[in-house]
Amino acid sequence: MRVAEEPSHLRKVAMTRLHVRVRFATAALAVALLPVAVAAASEEVRLVLLDHAGLQKLVESKRGQVVVMDAWSTYCEPCMREFPGLVGLHKKYGDRLACISVCANYSGIGKPEEEVDEPLKFLKEKGAAFDNVLSTEKDETLYKKLGIASVPCIFVFDRDGKLLKKFENEAKYAEIEAF
């Protein structure tokens, strides 16, 4: 009788051990996935105010990554049409590519802080959960410092922060991705 009970008892012990391993593995998987879920939930759209020097520091802080920087304005229809391409690049390449948007809405009248609402609303609508900057310098001053005539303009920097290419006027993000 004892021989007949032993296999049953061993099966229960083995099943209990298996059950514990499965529960432990499930818990470990949940913990491993937790940072991804938290990161996805914490990706909120923000807009910071920076001058040109601050913008340069932001680009420099991305060393080690290719940087795509889009200079745009809510007053520019071509800018509004092409902007979703930047969001698409961010979603497709994630951490392998740093995306920066630079809004040139400030015209020099009033304070730059007064220009936050409209671009921030647009950025939230587009889901632009990457570095978004509102220039604190007058639009024309920013254009001059960036070496452009107007927006839209997309800049691509290599991993060392060196400007590789500047796409002026309305560019297609497919061109930029192919570049």
Foldseek 3Di string as FASTA:
>chain_A
DVVVVVVVVVVVVVVVVVVVVVVVVVVVVCVVCVVVVVVVVPLDDDEAEDAPVVVLVVLQVQAQAKEKEWEEEPVDPLSLVQVLLLVVCCVVQPPRYAYEYEYQHAQPPDFQVVVPPPVSVSCRVSSVSHHYYYYRDHSCVVCVVVVHPHDGKMWIADNNRHTDDIDHDRDHSVVVVVD
